[in-house]
Amino acid sequence: MDNITRLILTARVYDIVKETPLTYAVNLSKKLNNKILLKREDLQDVFSFKIRGAYNKIAQLSKKDREKGVICASAGNHAQGVALSAKTLNTKAIIVMPETTPNIKVNAVKRHGAEVVLKGDNYSEASDYSKILTKEMGMTYIHPFDDELVIAGQGTIGHEIIRQTTKEDLYAVFVPIGGGGLISGIATFIKNIHPNIKIIGVEPEDSNAMYLSIKENKKVILDKVGIFADGVAVKEIGDITFEKTKQYVDDIILVDTDEIASSIKDIYYDTRNIVEPAGALAVAGLKKYIKEHSLTNKTFVAINSGANMNFDRLSFVAERAVIGEKQEALYAVKIPEKPGEFKRFCEQVVKDKNVSEFHYRLSSRKEAYLLVGLTIDYETENEEMLERMRKTGYYAMDITANELVKNHIRYMVGGKCSIAKNELLYHFRFPEKSGALMNFLSHMKANWNISLFHYRRHGGEFGRVLVGFEIPPNEKKEFEKSLETLQYDYTDETTNIACRLFL
């Protein structure tokens, strides 16, 4: 028997952890023509599975180590798990969190009696500082995933699934992946008991460290990670979790932001609970896997891993869920600028389709650019709509998957400016903290004019910002060097056709 399997069987979690139910997802099951069961870790007292691993690790420390206290770095669920576990076991806890952490998460940790230290702009910087404090204070570091006792605590979910599905012909279990602690524990236990049950991991396309590591057969460290599913936004997986995933996991599915948002909506309809983006990853992967493999009449389990949703993300989720359901398409369309042309566009292209979004502003007397959203069955009707536009004589481009359009340009159409000279466009990720904008501006020379600035809050640790600059050609290299000293992630969007069409 695998050592982690033995540790799962002797794990100490139920002093504080609930054995969560498997909820039959009526709507999802009907839609997917399979039996879908949701493992409800969103119902834990800290609204996340993380309490399992944190408590098991701290509970099994020696009395001497518990008296010294524990420390961890986390921007969310692990922080709450460590804080509540330490409080229950009468142990001091210090939690290092990024300065960009929303107050709701900081306050939740403080309510459990932990001391919060804010340091750095992201998890990596907070983690580095927590390790310095660990050495200085002689406390025990509670790793969020790369620790056998933490993995064993998370693995008790796998034990529960086996007990709860004794009469089920269980085909596969879908598990979200961040650093890999959850899937390592679940996969290790289930594969040692029932090796025929498939274990499928799910990662966001923009936070896919485990997927790439398995593909390359070595640990891959990401330069940057997406911030939508912040609960799994990990640049580097663990050594133990990498080995366990290689050994026991059958496949890893990648999903995008729209697919995750759509799955949050699916879970809400079946449970009336709103899970966080990372909490909906498993369902997003499950939906994609079933479709790609044309599976029917089988039983699947998806782990609802957490429900610590930032309230200000809800409008973004609702907006993107429609596209994730493949029920909306976005198009860039060039039409002649003349009276009656919009009516002609509606009569010959839109016809009986519902217009979900329309953006236009006069910018030339010869031609006009439209951004049009149509409610359609994307997979079966998209090519038909494009063909309609082309046959009518319009230039048309499918921009449904263009992140720049969905985050910025759809709100800025009509922003063309004929007087802007030598304009360069860049997309930045700004830390969501006081002083970030001033830090940015302080790196700009007085004659580098900002010709466009668009920011939209998404509820993560970083904000997405689109900026236009007027830069004299002979100063472009100096400008680029200045951007490098900022230490903000950025992408040159000057040649992006969507920008050129609408801006």
Protein backbone atom coordinates (compact mmCIF):
# COMPACT_ATOMS: atom_id res chain seq x y z
CA MET A 1 0.00 0.00 0.00
CA ASP A 2 1.24 3.48 -0.90
CA ASN A 3 2.54 5.48 2.11
CA ILE A 4 0.15 8.36 1.45
CA THR A 5 -2.75 5.90 1.35
CA ARG A 6 -1.73 4.74 4.83
CA LEU A 7 -1.53 8.37 5.98
CA ILE A 8 -5.03 9.00 4.60
CA LEU A 9 -6.42 6.08 6.58
CA THR A 10 -4.89 7.49 9.79
CA ALA A 11 -5.51 11.18 9.02
CA ARG A 12 -6.87 13.45 11.75
CA VAL A 13 -9.44 15.66 10.12
CA TYR A 14 -12.86 14.89 11.54
CA ASP A 15 -12.34 16.86 14.76
CA ILE A 16 -13.10 19.89 12.60
CA VAL A 17 -13.99 18.70 9.08
CA LYS A 18 -17.42 17.70 7.80
CA GLU A 19 -17.88 14.62 5.68
CA THR A 20 -19.40 16.49 2.76
CA PRO A 21 -22.24 15.06 0.68
CA LEU A 22 -22.30 13.99 -2.94
CA THR A 23 -25.09 16.07 -4.48
CA TYR A 24 -26.88 14.71 -7.53
CA ALA A 25 -26.79 17.49 -10.13
CA VAL A 26 -30.19 17.13 -11.79
CA ASN A 27 -29.80 19.79 -14.47
CA LEU A 28 -26.23 18.94 -15.40
CA SER A 29 -27.05 15.24 -15.55
CA LYS A 30 -29.95 15.87 -17.91
CA LYS A 31 -27.94 18.27 -20.09
CA LEU A 32 -24.95 15.92 -20.36
CA ASN A 33 -26.92 12.64 -20.51
CA ASN A 34 -24.81 11.19 -17.68
CA LYS A 35 -25.11 10.96 -13.90
CA ILE A 36 -23.21 13.89 -12.37
CA LEU A 37 -22.41 13.99 -8.64
CA LEU A 38 -20.90 17.07 -7.00
CA LYS A 39 -18.58 16.58 -4.01
CA ARG A 40 -19.57 19.56 -1.87
CA GLU A 41 -16.36 20.87 -0.31
CA ASP A 42 -17.90 24.34 -0.63
CA LEU A 43 -19.95 23.38 2.45
CA GLN A 44 -16.97 23.22 4.83
CA ASP A 45 -16.88 25.87 7.59
CA VAL A 46 -14.17 27.77 5.70
CA PHE A 47 -15.99 27.09 2.38
CA SER A 48 -13.06 25.09 1.00
CA PHE A 49 -11.35 21.69 1.15
CA LYS A 50 -8.13 23.34 2.38
CA ILE A 51 -9.12 22.87 6.04
CA ARG A 52 -8.50 19.11 5.67
CA GLY A 53 -4.80 19.27 4.86
CA ALA A 54 -4.05 22.17 7.17
CA TYR A 55 -5.67 20.52 10.19
CA ASN A 56 -4.11 17.12 9.56
CA LYS A 57 -0.63 18.65 9.36
CA ILE A 58 -0.95 20.85 12.47
CA ALA A 59 -2.73 18.16 14.52
CA GLN A 60 0.16 15.76 13.96
CA LEU A 61 2.92 18.17 14.97
CA SER A 62 4.70 17.45 18.23
CA LYS A 63 3.56 19.34 21.31
CA LYS A 64 6.82 21.29 21.24
CA ASP A 65 6.34 22.38 17.62
CA ARG A 66 2.71 23.36 18.20
CA GLU A 67 3.80 25.54 21.12
CA LYS A 68 6.20 27.41 18.81
CA GLY A 69 3.39 28.13 16.36
CA VAL A 70 2.81 27.76 12.63
CA ILE A 71 3.19 30.01 9.62
CA CYS A 72 2.05 29.94 6.02
CA ALA A 73 1.70 32.12 2.94
CA SER A 74 -1.66 32.30 1.19
CA ALA A 75 -4.03 34.75 -0.44
CA GLY A 76 -7.15 32.79 0.39
CA ASN A 77 -8.41 29.34 1.27
CA HIS A 78 -5.20 27.82 2.69
CA ALA A 79 -4.88 30.87 4.94
CA GLN A 80 -8.33 30.31 6.42
CA GLY A 81 -7.70 26.59 6.82
CA VAL A 82 -4.45 27.15 8.73
CA ALA A 83 -5.96 29.94 10.85
CA LEU A 84 -9.00 27.93 11.94
CA SER A 85 -6.95 24.76 12.50
CA ALA A 86 -4.44 26.63 14.67
CA LYS A 87 -7.23 28.26 16.66
CA THR A 88 -8.89 24.87 17.28
CA LEU A 89 -5.57 23.36 18.41
CA ASN A 90 -4.66 26.42 20.52
CA THR A 91 -1.60 27.18 18.37
CA LYS A 92 -0.30 30.59 17.32
CA ALA A 93 -0.54 31.22 13.57
CA ILE A 94 1.03 33.86 11.33
CA ILE A 95 -0.39 34.17 7.83
CA VAL A 96 1.58 36.12 5.22
CA MET A 97 -0.73 37.48 2.53
CA PRO A 98 -0.02 39.67 -0.52
CA GLU A 99 -0.74 43.36 -0.08
CA THR A 100 -3.23 43.00 -2.95
CA THR A 101 -5.43 40.53 -1.01
CA PRO A 102 -9.06 41.75 -0.78
CA ASN A 103 -10.11 42.89 2.70
CA ILE A 104 -12.84 40.24 2.87
CA LYS A 105 -10.16 37.51 2.86
CA VAL A 106 -7.84 39.33 5.27
CA ASN A 107 -10.70 39.87 7.72
CA ALA A 108 -11.82 36.24 7.44
CA VAL A 109 -8.35 35.09 8.52
CA LYS A 110 -8.20 37.60 11.39
CA ARG A 111 -11.58 36.40 12.66
CA HIS A 112 -10.03 32.98 13.24
CA GLY A 113 -7.46 34.58 15.53
CA ALA A 114 -4.41 34.48 13.25
CA GLU A 115 -1.90 37.30 12.89
CA VAL A 116 -1.86 38.64 9.33
CA VAL A 117 1.29 40.06 7.74
CA LEU A 118 0.83 41.79 4.37
CA LYS A 119 3.88 41.54 2.13
CA GLY A 120 4.47 41.71 -1.63
CA ASP A 121 2.28 42.10 -4.67
CA ASN A 122 1.61 38.39 -5.24
CA TYR A 123 1.71 34.93 -3.69
CA SER A 124 5.33 34.28 -4.69
CA GLU A 125 6.58 37.37 -2.85
CA ALA A 126 4.44 36.57 0.19
CA SER A 127 5.72 32.99 0.18
CA ASP A 128 9.36 34.11 0.04
CA TYR A 129 8.82 36.40 3.02
CA SER A 130 7.00 33.69 5.00
CA LYS A 131 10.05 31.43 4.68
CA ILE A 132 12.27 34.20 6.04
CA LEU A 133 9.93 34.59 9.03
CA THR A 134 9.87 30.82 9.54
CA LYS A 135 13.65 30.76 10.07
CA GLU A 136 13.68 33.89 12.22
CA MET A 137 10.88 32.76 14.55
CA GLY A 138 11.50 29.00 14.64
CA MET A 139 7.91 28.24 13.64
CA THR A 140 6.66 25.36 11.49
CA TYR A 141 5.87 26.20 7.88
CA ILE A 142 2.58 24.72 6.66
CA HIS A 143 2.98 24.17 2.94
CA PRO A 144 -0.24 24.58 0.94
CA PHE A 145 0.27 21.38 -1.07
CA ASP A 146 3.75 19.80 -1.16
CA ASP A 147 3.65 17.93 2.14
CA GLU A 148 2.62 14.31 2.69
CA LEU A 149 0.40 15.09 5.71
CA VAL A 150 -1.30 17.97 3.85
CA ILE A 151 -1.82 15.69 0.83
CA ALA A 152 -3.21 12.96 3.10
CA GLY A 153 -5.67 15.40 4.65
CA GLN A 154 -6.96 16.36 1.20
CA GLY A 155 -6.97 12.67 0.25
CA THR A 156 -9.69 11.93 2.80
CA ILE A 157 -12.05 13.30 0.13
CA GLY A 158 -11.14 10.30 -2.02
CA HIS A 159 -11.86 7.97 0.89
CA GLU A 160 -15.28 9.57 1.34
CA ILE A 161 -16.09 9.30 -2.38
CA ILE A 162 -15.38 5.56 -2.35
CA ARG A 163 -17.58 5.07 0.74
CA GLN A 164 -20.36 7.21 -0.73
CA THR A 165 -20.43 5.48 -4.13
CA THR A 166 -20.29 1.81 -3.11
CA LYS A 167 -23.31 1.04 -5.28
CA GLU A 168 -22.24 3.30 -8.15
CA ASP A 169 -20.44 2.24 -11.30
CA LEU A 170 -18.16 5.26 -10.97
CA TYR A 171 -16.38 6.08 -14.25
CA ALA A 172 -14.23 9.11 -13.40
CA VAL A 173 -13.51 11.75 -10.78
CA PHE A 174 -12.65 15.30 -11.90
CA VAL A 175 -10.36 17.32 -9.65
CA PRO A 176 -9.08 20.92 -9.92
CA ILE A 177 -5.30 21.36 -9.93
CA GLY A 178 -3.31 24.25 -8.48
CA GLY A 179 -0.15 23.02 -6.79
CA GLY A 180 -1.44 19.45 -6.95
CA GLY A 181 -2.12 18.58 -3.30
CA LEU A 182 -5.82 17.83 -3.76
CA ILE A 183 -5.49 15.63 -6.83
CA SER A 184 -2.43 13.83 -5.40
CA GLY A 185 -4.36 12.78 -2.30
CA ILE A 186 -7.58 11.82 -4.10
CA ALA A 187 -5.80 9.99 -6.94
CA THR A 188 -3.44 8.10 -4.62
CA PHE A 189 -6.26 6.73 -2.47
CA ILE A 190 -8.74 5.89 -5.24
CA LYS A 191 -6.18 4.30 -7.55
CA ASN A 192 -4.89 2.09 -4.71
CA ILE A 193 -8.43 0.93 -3.93
CA HIS A 194 -10.17 0.97 -7.35
CA PRO A 195 -7.55 1.39 -10.11
CA ASN A 196 -10.19 1.27 -12.88
CA ILE A 197 -11.74 4.59 -11.82
CA LYS A 198 -10.28 7.38 -13.92
CA ILE A 199 -8.84 10.46 -12.23
CA ILE A 200 -8.94 13.55 -14.46
CA GLY A 201 -7.26 16.80 -13.45
CA VAL A 202 -8.48 20.20 -14.62
CA GLU A 203 -6.43 23.39 -14.96
CA PRO A 204 -7.09 26.84 -16.48
CA GLU A 205 -5.34 27.39 -19.79
CA ASP A 206 -3.44 30.31 -18.27
CA SER A 207 -2.39 28.48 -15.07
CA ASN A 208 -1.31 25.10 -16.41
CA ALA A 209 1.94 24.32 -14.59
CA MET A 210 1.01 20.68 -13.92
CA TYR A 211 -0.14 20.04 -17.49
CA LEU A 212 3.11 21.39 -18.93
CA SER A 213 5.20 19.56 -16.34
CA ILE A 214 3.59 16.22 -17.19
CA LYS A 215 3.98 16.95 -20.89
CA GLU A 216 7.70 17.82 -20.52
CA ASN A 217 8.30 15.13 -17.87
CA LYS A 218 9.97 17.73 -15.66
CA LYS A 219 8.74 20.53 -13.44
CA VAL A 220 7.90 23.63 -15.47
CA ILE A 221 7.79 27.01 -13.73
CA LEU A 222 5.40 29.49 -15.32
CA ASP A 223 6.49 33.09 -15.91
CA LYS A 224 3.00 34.32 -15.00
CA VAL A 225 -0.41 32.88 -14.19
CA GLY A 226 -3.99 33.89 -14.87
CA ILE A 227 -5.86 35.60 -12.06
CA PHE A 228 -9.49 34.63 -12.72
CA ALA A 229 -9.24 31.25 -10.98
CA ASP A 230 -6.98 32.66 -8.26
CA GLY A 231 -7.41 29.59 -6.05
CA VAL A 232 -5.27 27.57 -8.48
CA ALA A 233 -2.98 30.37 -9.70
CA VAL A 234 0.29 28.58 -8.99
CA LYS A 235 3.50 29.17 -10.96
CA GLU A 236 5.28 26.09 -9.61
CA ILE A 237 3.87 22.72 -8.57
CA GLY A 238 5.33 20.57 -5.78
CA ASP A 239 7.92 17.81 -6.04
CA ILE A 240 5.72 15.25 -4.28
CA THR A 241 2.59 16.32 -6.14
CA PHE A 242 4.37 16.09 -9.49
CA GLU A 243 5.40 12.50 -8.84
CA LYS A 244 1.98 11.45 -7.55
CA THR A 245 0.21 13.07 -10.50
CA LYS A 246 2.52 11.31 -12.95
CA GLN A 247 1.89 8.01 -11.19
CA TYR A 248 -1.86 8.08 -10.69
CA VAL A 249 -3.64 10.71 -12.82
CA ASP A 250 -5.05 9.55 -16.16
CA ASP A 251 -5.44 12.88 -17.94
CA ILE A 252 -5.45 16.67 -17.49
CA ILE A 253 -8.02 18.89 -19.21
CA LEU A 254 -7.45 22.61 -19.84
CA VAL A 255 -10.39 25.04 -19.77
CA ASP A 256 -10.71 28.75 -20.46
CA THR A 257 -12.29 31.60 -18.49
CA ASP A 258 -15.60 31.39 -20.34
CA GLU A 259 -15.93 27.65 -19.69
CA ILE A 260 -15.25 28.20 -15.98
CA ALA A 261 -17.83 31.01 -15.80
CA SER A 262 -20.40 28.82 -17.52
CA SER A 263 -19.76 26.06 -14.97
CA ILE A 264 -20.24 28.44 -12.04
CA LYS A 265 -23.68 29.08 -13.51
CA ASP A 266 -24.36 25.33 -13.94
CA ILE A 267 -23.45 24.64 -10.32
CA TYR A 268 -25.64 27.50 -9.13
CA TYR A 269 -28.67 26.11 -10.97
CA ASP A 270 -28.16 22.69 -9.35
CA THR A 271 -27.18 23.74 -5.82
CA ARG A 272 -28.17 27.43 -5.44
CA ASN A 273 -24.60 27.99 -4.22
CA ILE A 274 -22.11 30.24 -5.98
CA VAL A 275 -18.67 28.63 -6.08
CA GLU A 276 -15.45 30.51 -6.77
CA PRO A 277 -13.80 30.06 -10.21
CA ALA A 278 -11.37 27.41 -8.92
CA GLY A 279 -14.35 25.64 -7.33
CA ALA A 280 -15.99 25.25 -10.74
CA LEU A 281 -12.90 23.96 -12.55
CA ALA A 282 -13.81 20.30 -12.12
CA VAL A 283 -17.27 20.76 -13.64
CA ALA A 284 -15.80 22.74 -16.54
CA GLY A 285 -13.37 19.93 -17.27
CA LEU A 286 -16.06 17.29 -16.85
CA LYS A 287 -18.31 18.99 -19.42
CA LYS A 288 -15.47 19.29 -21.91
CA TYR A 289 -14.27 15.70 -21.40
CA ILE A 290 -17.73 14.18 -21.82
CA LYS A 291 -18.27 16.09 -25.05
CA GLU A 292 -14.84 15.29 -26.50
CA HIS A 293 -15.24 11.56 -25.75
CA SER A 294 -18.97 11.33 -26.58
CA LEU A 295 -19.75 9.60 -23.27
CA THR A 296 -23.28 8.75 -22.13
CA ASN A 297 -24.98 6.91 -19.26
CA LYS A 298 -21.96 6.92 -16.98
CA THR A 299 -21.41 8.22 -13.45
CA PHE A 300 -18.99 11.06 -12.78
CA VAL A 301 -17.92 12.96 -9.67
CA ALA A 302 -16.69 16.57 -9.79
CA ILE A 303 -15.08 18.25 -6.78
CA ASN A 304 -16.68 21.59 -5.85
CA SER A 305 -13.48 22.69 -4.13
CA GLY A 306 -14.41 26.10 -2.75
CA ALA A 307 -16.91 28.94 -2.54
CA ASN A 308 -14.86 31.95 -1.45
CA MET A 309 -16.11 34.13 -4.29
CA ASN A 310 -15.35 37.84 -4.39
CA PHE A 311 -18.71 39.58 -4.78
CA ASP A 312 -17.41 42.09 -7.31
CA ARG A 313 -16.61 39.27 -9.73
CA LEU A 314 -20.23 38.23 -10.15
CA SER A 315 -21.06 40.63 -13.01
CA PHE A 316 -17.96 39.47 -14.89
CA VAL A 317 -18.92 35.81 -14.37
CA ALA A 318 -22.47 36.40 -15.59
CA GLU A 319 -21.19 38.23 -18.66
CA ARG A 320 -18.70 35.54 -19.63
CA ALA A 321 -20.95 32.56 -18.79
CA VAL A 322 -23.07 33.17 -21.88
CA ILE A 323 -20.05 32.82 -24.15
CA GLY A 324 -18.87 29.83 -22.13
CA GLU A 325 -22.19 28.14 -22.83
CA LYS A 326 -21.52 28.68 -26.55
CA GLN A 327 -24.74 30.67 -26.83
CA GLU A 328 -23.21 33.98 -27.92
CA ALA A 329 -20.77 35.10 -30.59
CA LEU A 330 -18.91 38.40 -31.00
CA TYR A 331 -18.06 39.76 -34.45
CA ALA A 332 -16.06 42.68 -35.81
CA VAL A 333 -17.80 43.89 -38.96
CA LYS A 334 -16.82 46.59 -41.46
CA ILE A 335 -19.76 48.17 -43.30
CA PRO A 336 -20.10 51.16 -45.66
CA GLU A 337 -20.86 54.42 -43.86
CA LYS A 338 -24.08 55.48 -45.55
CA PRO A 339 -27.73 55.99 -44.60
CA GLY A 340 -29.75 52.80 -44.23
CA GLU A 341 -26.74 50.49 -43.97
CA PHE A 342 -27.46 49.46 -40.38
CA LYS A 343 -31.02 48.56 -41.38
CA ARG A 344 -29.65 46.52 -44.27
CA PHE A 345 -27.24 44.76 -41.88
CA CYS A 346 -30.11 43.80 -39.59
CA GLU A 347 -32.37 42.64 -42.44
CA GLN A 348 -29.81 40.54 -44.29
CA VAL A 349 -27.52 39.35 -41.51
CA VAL A 350 -29.19 39.51 -38.09
CA LYS A 351 -32.63 38.46 -39.34
CA ASP A 352 -34.28 36.43 -36.56
CA LYS A 353 -31.23 36.38 -34.24
CA ASN A 354 -31.21 38.33 -31.00
CA VAL A 355 -28.65 41.15 -30.78
CA SER A 356 -27.01 40.87 -27.35
CA GLU A 357 -24.48 43.65 -27.87
CA PHE A 358 -23.88 46.40 -30.40
CA HIS A 359 -21.14 49.05 -30.41
CA TYR A 360 -20.60 51.70 -33.07
CA ARG A 361 -19.49 55.30 -33.44
CA LEU A 362 -18.97 57.45 -36.52
CA SER A 363 -15.27 57.61 -37.32
CA SER A 364 -15.12 58.03 -41.10
CA ARG A 365 -17.43 59.08 -43.93
CA LYS A 366 -16.41 56.04 -45.97
CA GLU A 367 -16.73 53.04 -43.66
CA ALA A 368 -17.82 52.05 -40.15
CA TYR A 369 -16.70 49.35 -37.76
CA LEU A 370 -19.20 47.50 -35.62
CA LEU A 371 -18.74 45.16 -32.67
CA VAL A 372 -21.82 42.94 -32.68
CA GLY A 373 -22.88 40.27 -30.21
CA LEU A 374 -25.46 37.73 -31.39
CA THR A 375 -27.28 35.10 -29.36
CA ILE A 376 -26.75 31.94 -31.39
CA ASP A 377 -25.75 28.31 -30.98
CA TYR A 378 -22.08 29.06 -31.58
CA GLU A 379 -20.99 25.58 -32.56
CA THR A 380 -23.66 25.06 -35.22
CA GLU A 381 -24.42 28.61 -36.41
CA ASN A 382 -21.18 30.57 -36.28
CA GLU A 383 -19.95 29.68 -39.77
CA GLU A 384 -23.41 30.36 -41.16
CA MET A 385 -23.42 33.87 -39.64
CA LEU A 386 -19.94 34.64 -40.99
CA GLU A 387 -21.01 33.46 -44.42
CA ARG A 388 -24.13 35.66 -44.29
CA MET A 389 -21.96 38.71 -43.62
CA ARG A 390 -19.48 37.91 -46.36
CA LYS A 391 -22.19 37.24 -48.93
CA THR A 392 -23.76 40.59 -48.09
CA GLY A 393 -20.42 42.24 -48.85
CA TYR A 394 -19.24 42.97 -45.33
CA TYR A 395 -15.80 42.23 -43.96
CA ALA A 396 -16.40 40.09 -40.86
CA MET A 397 -14.16 38.55 -38.20
CA ASP A 398 -15.07 36.17 -35.38
CA ILE A 399 -13.64 37.71 -32.18
CA THR A 400 -15.52 35.56 -29.66
CA ALA A 401 -12.29 34.12 -28.24
CA ASN A 402 -10.35 37.40 -28.23
CA GLU A 403 -9.59 38.25 -24.58
CA LEU A 404 -8.56 41.83 -25.36
CA VAL A 405 -11.94 42.47 -26.96
CA LYS A 406 -13.92 40.90 -24.12
CA ASN A 407 -12.01 42.71 -21.38
CA HIS A 408 -11.56 46.13 -22.95
CA ILE A 409 -12.45 46.92 -26.53
CA ARG A 410 -16.13 46.01 -26.32
CA TYR A 411 -16.46 48.99 -23.95
CA MET A 412 -14.41 51.36 -26.08
CA VAL A 413 -15.63 50.99 -29.66
CA GLY A 414 -15.66 54.32 -31.45
CA GLY A 415 -12.51 55.46 -29.76
CA LYS A 416 -10.58 56.12 -32.98
CA CYS A 417 -8.52 59.30 -32.81
CA SER A 418 -7.15 60.76 -36.05
CA ILE A 419 -4.86 63.19 -34.26
CA ALA A 420 -2.88 60.53 -32.32
CA LYS A 421 0.61 60.22 -33.79
CA ASN A 422 3.15 57.39 -33.40
CA GLU A 423 0.71 55.59 -31.12
CA LEU A 424 1.72 52.37 -29.36
CA LEU A 425 -0.77 50.17 -27.48
CA TYR A 426 0.09 47.99 -24.48
CA HIS A 427 -1.89 45.68 -22.23
CA PHE A 428 -0.73 45.66 -18.58
CA ARG A 429 -1.50 43.75 -15.40
CA PHE A 430 -1.45 46.30 -12.57
CA PRO A 431 -1.40 45.15 -8.94
CA GLU A 432 -4.70 46.09 -7.27
CA LYS A 433 -3.12 48.25 -4.58
CA SER A 434 -2.69 51.87 -3.67
CA GLY A 435 0.14 53.61 -5.53
CA ALA A 436 0.29 51.25 -8.52
CA LEU A 437 -0.81 53.94 -10.99
CA MET A 438 1.63 56.54 -9.60
CA ASN A 439 4.45 53.99 -9.82
CA PHE A 440 3.54 53.49 -13.45
CA LEU A 441 3.38 57.22 -14.25
CA SER A 442 6.66 57.93 -12.48
CA HIS A 443 8.46 55.83 -15.12
CA MET A 444 7.05 57.91 -17.98
CA LYS A 445 8.82 60.94 -19.47
CA ALA A 446 6.84 64.15 -19.70
CA ASN A 447 6.72 64.07 -23.52
CA TRP A 448 5.43 60.46 -23.64
CA ASN A 449 1.78 61.34 -23.97
CA ILE A 450 -0.89 58.83 -22.86
CA SER A 451 -3.44 58.78 -25.68
CA LEU A 452 -5.70 56.05 -24.27
CA PHE A 453 -6.23 54.48 -20.86
CA HIS A 454 -8.80 51.84 -20.06
CA TYR A 455 -9.07 49.93 -16.79
CA ARG A 456 -11.72 47.48 -15.66
CA ARG A 457 -11.82 45.84 -12.27
CA HIS A 458 -12.27 42.06 -12.22
CA GLY A 459 -11.93 41.30 -8.52
CA GLY A 460 -8.52 39.65 -8.69
CA GLU A 461 -5.15 40.66 -7.32
CA PHE A 462 -4.30 42.33 -10.63
CA GLY A 463 -6.26 44.78 -12.76
CA ARG A 464 -6.20 44.65 -16.57
CA VAL A 465 -5.23 47.96 -18.16
CA LEU A 466 -5.03 48.95 -21.84
CA VAL A 467 -2.85 52.02 -22.47
CA GLY A 468 -2.01 53.97 -25.61
CA PHE A 469 1.16 56.10 -25.79
CA GLU A 470 2.37 58.68 -28.28
CA ILE A 471 6.11 57.94 -28.46
CA PRO A 472 8.55 59.73 -30.79
CA PRO A 473 10.14 57.08 -33.05
CA ASN A 474 13.66 57.93 -31.90
CA GLU A 475 12.65 57.29 -28.26
CA LYS A 476 10.97 53.92 -28.70
CA LYS A 477 13.95 51.92 -27.36
CA GLU A 478 14.20 54.17 -24.30
CA PHE A 479 10.46 53.70 -23.75
CA GLU A 480 10.73 49.91 -23.95
CA LYS A 481 13.57 49.88 -21.41
CA SER A 482 11.41 51.96 -19.08
CA LEU A 483 8.62 49.39 -19.34
CA GLU A 484 11.01 46.60 -18.36
CA THR A 485 11.95 48.40 -15.11
CA LEU A 486 8.25 48.58 -14.10
CA GLN A 487 8.03 44.85 -13.25
CA TYR A 488 4.40 44.82 -14.39
CA ASP A 489 3.41 42.12 -16.88
CA TYR A 490 2.73 43.70 -20.25
CA THR A 491 2.03 42.77 -23.86
CA ASP A 492 2.56 44.92 -26.95
CA GLU A 493 -0.85 45.17 -28.66
CA THR A 494 0.12 47.68 -31.38
CA THR A 495 -0.29 45.12 -34.15
CA ASN A 496 -3.41 43.46 -32.71
CA ILE A 497 -5.99 43.69 -35.46
CA ALA A 498 -8.85 44.12 -32.98
CA CYS A 499 -7.13 47.23 -31.58
CA ARG A 500 -6.50 48.61 -35.04
CA LEU A 501 -10.12 48.10 -36.11
CA PHE A 502 -11.75 49.83 -33.17
CA LEU A 503 -9.17 52.12 -31.64
